[in-house]
Protein backbone atom coordinates (compact mmCIF):
# COMPACT_ATOMS: atom_id res chain seq x y z
CA MET A 1 -15.77 -13.47 -18.54
CA MET A 2 -15.61 -16.82 -17.01
CA ILE A 3 -16.44 -16.80 -13.14
CA LYS A 4 -15.45 -19.60 -10.78
CA PRO A 5 -17.95 -21.17 -8.57
CA MET A 6 -18.60 -19.70 -5.45
CA PRO A 7 -15.87 -20.63 -2.96
CA ARG A 8 -16.52 -22.53 0.33
CA GLN A 9 -15.92 -19.38 2.47
CA ALA A 10 -18.44 -16.68 2.64
CA ALA A 11 -17.73 -13.41 0.88
CA THR A 12 -16.26 -10.75 3.33
CA VAL A 13 -16.45 -7.76 1.05
CA SER A 14 -19.58 -5.88 1.16
CA THR A 15 -21.77 -5.86 -2.06
CA LEU A 16 -21.93 -2.18 -1.72
CA LYS A 17 -19.30 0.23 -3.48
CA PRO A 18 -16.41 0.28 -1.00
CA VAL A 19 -15.11 3.72 -0.04
CA ALA A 20 -11.80 4.18 1.28
CA ALA A 21 -12.09 5.11 4.96
CA PRO A 22 -11.34 8.61 6.31
CA LEU A 23 -7.71 8.64 7.95
CA THR A 24 -7.52 8.84 11.66
CA ARG A 25 -5.56 11.63 13.19
CA THR A 26 -2.49 9.31 13.72
CA GLU A 27 -2.52 8.11 10.06
CA SER A 28 -2.84 11.46 8.99
CA LEU A 29 0.25 12.57 11.06
CA ARG A 30 2.21 9.33 9.73
CA LEU A 31 1.59 9.91 6.12
CA GLN A 32 2.91 13.60 6.52
CA ILE A 33 6.19 12.62 8.26
CA ALA A 34 6.74 9.61 6.30
CA ASP A 35 6.37 12.09 3.16
CA GLU A 36 8.85 14.14 4.59
CA ILE A 37 11.49 11.49 5.21
CA VAL A 38 10.95 9.83 2.00
CA SER A 39 11.06 13.02 -0.12
CA GLY A 40 14.30 13.84 1.93
CA VAL A 41 12.89 16.95 3.85
CA LEU A 42 13.87 15.13 7.24
CA GLU A 43 17.40 13.48 6.44
CA PRO A 44 18.71 10.31 8.32
CA GLY A 45 19.93 11.07 11.57
CA THR A 46 17.33 13.77 12.25
CA PRO A 47 15.87 13.86 15.83
CA LEU A 48 12.15 13.43 16.31
CA ASP A 49 11.18 15.56 18.97
CA GLU A 50 7.47 14.39 20.21
CA GLN A 51 6.93 17.75 21.87
CA GLU A 52 7.84 19.94 18.73
CA LEU A 53 6.04 17.74 16.29
CA ALA A 54 3.06 17.92 18.27
CA ALA A 55 3.27 21.85 18.20
CA ARG A 56 3.91 21.75 14.67
CA PHE A 57 1.06 19.70 13.50
CA GLY A 58 -1.44 21.09 16.23
CA VAL A 59 -2.04 17.77 18.06
CA SER A 60 -1.15 16.27 21.35
CA ARG A 61 1.95 14.13 22.03
CA THR A 62 -0.25 11.03 22.06
CA PRO A 63 -0.86 10.73 18.11
CA VAL A 64 2.78 11.77 17.66
CA ARG A 65 3.97 8.83 19.56
CA GLU A 66 1.85 6.29 17.79
CA ALA A 67 2.68 7.80 14.51
CA ILE A 68 6.34 7.37 15.66
CA ARG A 69 5.89 3.73 16.61
CA GLN A 70 4.21 3.04 13.33
CA LEU A 71 6.89 4.61 11.14
CA SER A 72 9.63 2.53 13.25
CA ALA A 73 7.79 -0.59 11.82
CA SER A 74 8.44 0.72 8.22
CA GLY A 75 12.13 1.21 9.20
CA LEU A 76 11.81 4.92 8.53
CA VAL A 77 12.51 5.87 12.23
CA SER A 78 14.87 4.06 14.87
CA VAL A 79 13.58 4.42 18.49
CA ARG A 80 16.65 4.22 20.68
CA PRO A 81 16.15 3.40 24.54
CA HIS A 82 16.17 6.35 26.72
CA ARG A 83 17.52 8.47 23.52
CA GLY A 84 14.46 9.05 21.20
CA ALA A 85 13.69 8.61 18.06
CA VAL A 86 15.57 9.51 14.78
CA VAL A 87 15.06 9.17 10.84
CA ALA A 88 16.73 6.06 9.74
CA LEU A 89 16.13 4.93 6.08
CA PRO A 90 16.35 1.19 5.08
CA THR A 91 19.72 0.33 2.89
CA PRO A 92 19.05 -0.38 -0.63
CA THR A 93 19.49 -4.09 0.20
CA GLN A 94 16.97 -4.09 2.93
CA LEU A 95 14.44 -2.25 0.92
CA ASP A 96 14.89 -4.76 -1.93
CA ASP A 97 14.36 -7.79 0.53
CA MET A 98 10.99 -5.83 1.61
CA PHE A 99 9.92 -5.66 -1.85
CA GLU A 100 10.93 -9.27 -2.69
CA VAL A 101 8.67 -10.65 -0.18
CA MET A 102 5.80 -8.12 -0.80
CA ALA A 103 5.79 -9.11 -4.16
CA GLU A 104 5.47 -12.83 -3.62
CA LEU A 105 2.76 -12.48 -0.74
CA GLU A 106 0.90 -10.07 -2.98
CA ALA A 107 1.20 -12.37 -6.13
CA LEU A 108 -0.32 -15.38 -3.97
CA CYS A 109 -3.11 -13.14 -2.92
CA ALA A 110 -3.85 -12.48 -6.58
CA GLY A 111 -3.83 -16.03 -7.69
CA LEU A 112 -6.10 -17.31 -4.92
CA ALA A 113 -8.37 -14.19 -5.53
CA ALA A 114 -8.67 -15.27 -9.33
CA ARG A 115 -9.92 -18.79 -7.85
CA ASN A 116 -11.81 -17.91 -5.01
CA MET A 117 -13.40 -14.63 -5.12
CA SER A 118 -17.25 -14.19 -5.13
CA VAL A 119 -19.27 -12.52 -7.95
CA PRO A 120 -20.08 -9.52 -5.40
CA GLU A 121 -16.27 -9.32 -4.65
CA ARG A 122 -15.22 -9.06 -8.15
CA ARG A 123 -17.93 -6.32 -8.65
CA ALA A 124 -16.42 -4.68 -5.62
CA LEU A 125 -12.92 -4.78 -7.00
CA GLU A 126 -14.26 -3.74 -10.40
CA ALA A 127 -15.72 -0.52 -8.74
CA LEU A 128 -12.56 0.22 -7.14
CA HIS A 129 -10.55 -0.31 -10.24
CA ASP A 130 -13.05 2.27 -12.11
CA ASP A 131 -12.62 4.66 -8.90
CA LEU A 132 -8.66 4.96 -9.66
CA ARG A 133 -9.44 5.41 -13.42
CA LEU A 134 -11.21 8.57 -12.55
CA LEU A 135 -8.21 9.62 -9.94
CA VAL A 136 -5.76 9.07 -12.66
CA HIS A 137 -7.70 11.78 -14.89
CA GLU A 138 -7.91 14.01 -11.82
CA GLY A 139 -4.21 13.72 -11.12
CA ASP A 140 -4.63 13.35 -7.39
CA PRO A 141 -1.81 11.18 -5.90
CA ALA A 142 -2.93 11.66 -2.31
CA ARG A 143 -6.57 10.15 -3.01
CA TYR A 144 -5.01 7.59 -5.64
CA HIS A 145 -2.93 6.27 -2.78
CA ALA A 146 -5.72 5.72 -0.58
CA THR A 147 -8.14 4.20 -3.17
CA ASN A 148 -5.06 1.94 -4.27
CA GLU A 149 -4.66 0.56 -0.60
CA ALA A 150 -8.39 -0.35 -0.74
CA PHE A 151 -7.96 -1.92 -3.91
CA HIS A 152 -5.23 -4.24 -2.92
CA ALA A 153 -6.75 -4.90 0.43
CA ALA A 154 -10.04 -6.17 -1.30
CA ILE A 155 -7.45 -8.39 -3.33
CA TYR A 156 -6.15 -9.60 0.02
CA ALA A 157 -9.92 -10.47 1.08
CA GLY A 158 -10.57 -12.06 -1.92
CA SER A 159 -7.86 -14.76 -1.44
CA HIS A 160 -10.16 -16.05 1.47
CA ASN A 161 -6.89 -17.10 3.38
CA GLY A 162 -7.30 -15.16 6.48
CA TYR A 163 -3.55 -15.95 7.69
CA LEU A 164 -2.17 -14.82 4.19
CA ALA A 165 -4.23 -11.47 4.20
CA GLU A 166 -2.90 -10.75 7.61
CA LEU A 167 0.70 -11.40 6.89
CA THR A 168 0.36 -9.33 3.60
CA LEU A 169 -1.17 -6.27 5.14
CA MET A 170 1.68 -6.58 7.83
CA THR A 171 4.42 -6.70 5.23
CA ARG A 172 2.51 -3.91 3.38
CA THR A 173 2.64 -1.54 6.38
CA ARG A 174 6.09 -1.72 6.13
CA VAL A 175 6.79 -0.69 2.57
CA ALA A 176 3.66 1.67 2.64
CA PRO A 177 5.72 4.99 2.61
CA PHE A 178 7.85 3.69 -0.10
CA ARG A 179 5.01 2.78 -2.46
CA ARG A 180 3.35 6.09 -1.31
CA ALA A 181 6.25 7.93 -2.54
CA GLN A 182 6.39 6.49 -6.16
CA PHE A 183 2.83 8.16 -6.90
CA ARG A 184 4.86 11.53 -7.27
CA ALA A 185 6.85 10.34 -10.23
CA THR A 186 5.38 11.67 -13.51
CA GLY A 187 3.14 9.19 -15.40
CA ARG A 188 3.05 6.94 -12.46
CA LEU A 189 -0.52 7.11 -11.70
CA GLY A 190 -1.58 5.94 -15.28
CA GLY A 191 1.02 3.42 -15.44
CA SER A 192 -0.22 2.05 -11.97
CA TYR A 193 -3.71 1.71 -13.23
CA GLN A 194 -2.56 -0.06 -16.63
CA GLU A 195 -0.63 -2.60 -14.40
CA HIS A 196 -3.86 -2.90 -11.96
CA ASP A 197 -5.96 -3.29 -15.00
CA LEU A 198 -3.99 -6.57 -16.24
CA ILE A 199 -4.50 -7.92 -12.57
CA VAL A 200 -8.26 -7.43 -12.74
CA GLN A 201 -8.79 -8.90 -16.00
CA ALA A 202 -6.93 -12.34 -14.99
CA ILE A 203 -8.89 -12.27 -11.55
CA LEU A 204 -12.28 -11.56 -13.54
CA ARG A 205 -11.43 -14.33 -15.98
CA GLY A 206 -10.13 -16.79 -13.23
CA ASP A 207 -6.74 -16.97 -14.16
CA GLN A 208 -4.70 -17.98 -11.32
CA PRO A 209 -1.40 -17.71 -12.77
CA GLY A 210 -1.93 -14.93 -14.65
CA ALA A 211 -3.08 -12.86 -11.94
CA SER A 212 -0.09 -13.92 -9.89
CA GLU A 213 2.29 -13.06 -12.67
CA ALA A 214 0.48 -9.86 -13.24
CA MET A 215 0.85 -9.02 -9.69
CA ARG A 216 4.20 -10.04 -9.23
CA ALA A 217 5.37 -7.70 -12.20
CA HIS A 218 3.26 -4.81 -10.75
CA ILE A 219 5.15 -4.72 -7.52
CA GLY A 220 8.63 -5.17 -9.19
CA ILE A 221 7.53 -2.03 -11.32
CA VAL A 222 6.63 -0.24 -7.96
CA ARG A 223 9.98 -0.97 -6.75
CA ASP A 224 11.79 0.58 -9.54
CA ALA A 225 9.54 3.45 -9.73
CA PHE A 226 10.53 4.26 -6.10
CA ARG A 227 14.16 3.65 -6.98
CA SER A 228 13.91 6.14 -9.85
CA TYR A 229 11.92 8.57 -7.56
CA ALA A 230 14.62 8.38 -4.63
CA GLY A 231 17.57 8.74 -7.09
CA THR A 232 16.27 11.94 -8.11
CA ARG A 233 15.39 13.73 -4.86
């Protein structure tokens, strides 16, 4: 395995084995509502009443309001001035545009990570990849999704380009509900892990073009998996 020289910027990922941070109340609520929207339980045009949702999930209106605000950034919710929020899925064209940008940003991150990641950062990425392998065998989509986010975030940080990492995380927030939904498809966890393996191996050998191409292909498959899932609901 060829390791590139230490980059100019200091490593930003801990040398300890990373773990996915526990979800806040707002994040948990956002994921639950997003799941219901993407799965079709909450259909486009359905009003989202803060008080009703707060009572249903046993929380105050504050996390409900923040979850709705975050969902509006994903295109899942439309917030209308003085009229409240309603469910609003992006059009297929809008979703394709989002995934196209996501693929290019993540490909750039992966390529730079192959060039710039320190030895401790590469070991941390391998640890996350191994955690995902175990979760595939357990068949736990929720935990796989959480660790998957940490895996991708480690690659963004490993690019050692703060502006790119910030931009990529912002874009990921918009497509996160759709990326999460694809894990419900049969065999998708194993497929995701195999795609990750190509990315990890390219990063470990310092193959910048190979890491970029593997990541770009991975995001394209994620998009297609969501399309397939959405078409069957």
